[in-house]
């Protein structure tokens, strides 16, 4: 039985989105290769309706998504503490 792809979406501020993307997309590319999941962000001026937050969508197998979300959240946490 082939596992169906799973999707997780969550909202982040515009500045947080920038730290997840990284310079020239380096951070997001690194997170995708480490996790095996696909990580997509809404464009710079595309916000979740009624907010000024951007959407991060993570897709893949459950274990890939869990790893990617862990990487993203730890990056965001390090930005808050720094």
Protein backbone atom coordinates (compact mmCIF):
# COMPACT_ATOMS: atom_id res chain seq x y z
CA UNK A 1 0.00 0.00 0.00
CA UNK A 2 1.40 3.35 -1.09
CA UNK A 3 1.18 6.11 1.49
CA UNK A 4 -0.91 9.04 0.28
CA UNK A 5 0.80 12.42 0.42
CA UNK A 6 -0.12 14.47 3.46
CA UNK A 7 -0.25 18.26 3.69
CA UNK A 8 0.30 20.57 6.64
CA UNK A 9 -0.23 24.31 6.40
CA UNK A 10 0.59 26.92 8.98
CA UNK A 11 0.88 30.69 9.10
CA UNK A 12 3.98 32.76 9.78
CA UNK A 13 4.76 36.46 9.77
CA UNK A 14 6.47 37.91 6.71
CA UNK A 15 9.79 38.25 8.56
CA UNK A 16 9.57 34.66 9.82
CA UNK A 17 8.92 33.52 6.25
CA UNK A 18 12.11 35.27 5.19
CA UNK A 19 14.16 33.40 7.78
CA UNK A 20 12.65 30.07 6.66
CA UNK A 21 13.51 30.82 3.01
CA UNK A 22 17.05 31.98 3.82
CA UNK A 23 19.43 33.90 1.61
CA UNK A 24 18.75 32.92 -2.00
CA UNK A 25 16.49 30.09 -0.81
CA UNK A 26 19.36 28.26 0.89
CA UNK A 27 17.57 27.45 4.15
CA UNK A 28 14.38 26.11 2.58
CA UNK A 29 16.42 24.03 0.10
CA UNK A 30 18.46 22.60 2.97
CA UNK A 31 15.31 21.76 4.97
CA UNK A 32 13.75 20.02 1.95
CA UNK A 33 16.84 17.89 1.34
CA UNK A 34 17.16 16.98 5.04
CA UNK A 35 13.50 16.01 5.42
CA UNK A 36 12.48 14.74 1.99
CA UNK A 37 9.30 16.86 2.25
CA UNK A 38 8.32 19.66 -0.09
CA UNK A 39 8.11 23.08 1.57
CA UNK A 40 6.27 25.90 -0.21
CA UNK A 41 5.58 29.45 0.90
CA UNK A 42 2.99 31.87 -0.38
CA UNK A 43 4.44 34.80 -2.31
CA UNK A 44 5.64 37.95 -0.58
CA UNK A 45 2.31 39.78 -1.02
CA UNK A 46 -0.01 36.75 -0.77
CA UNK A 47 -1.41 36.57 2.75
CA UNK A 48 -3.90 34.26 4.40
CA UNK A 49 -7.29 36.00 4.14
CA UNK A 50 -7.88 38.49 6.94
CA UNK A 51 -4.25 38.39 8.14
CA UNK A 52 -0.82 39.69 7.23
CA UNK A 53 0.61 36.16 7.59
CA UNK A 54 2.12 34.04 4.85
CA UNK A 55 1.29 30.37 4.39
CA UNK A 56 3.86 27.59 4.67
CA UNK A 57 2.69 24.33 3.12
CA UNK A 58 4.64 21.15 3.82
CA UNK A 59 3.82 18.04 1.82
CA UNK A 60 5.09 14.47 1.69
CA UNK A 61 4.97 11.33 3.78
CA UNK A 62 4.08 11.75 7.44
CA UNK A 63 7.64 11.17 8.69
CA UNK A 64 9.02 13.64 6.10
CA UNK A 65 6.49 16.28 7.15
CA UNK A 66 7.26 15.81 10.83
CA UNK A 67 10.97 16.27 10.17
CA UNK A 68 10.39 19.36 8.00
CA UNK A 69 8.05 20.98 10.55
CA UNK A 70 10.61 20.27 13.28
CA UNK A 71 13.34 21.99 11.21
CA UNK A 72 11.14 25.00 10.43
CA UNK A 73 9.94 25.43 14.02
CA UNK A 74 13.44 25.11 15.48
CA UNK A 75 14.65 27.76 13.00
CA UNK A 76 11.80 30.09 14.01
CA UNK A 77 12.46 29.44 17.71
CA UNK A 78 16.17 30.27 17.29
CA UNK A 79 15.18 33.58 15.63
CA UNK A 80 12.91 34.49 18.60
CA UNK A 81 15.59 33.67 21.18
CA UNK A 82 18.43 35.40 19.28
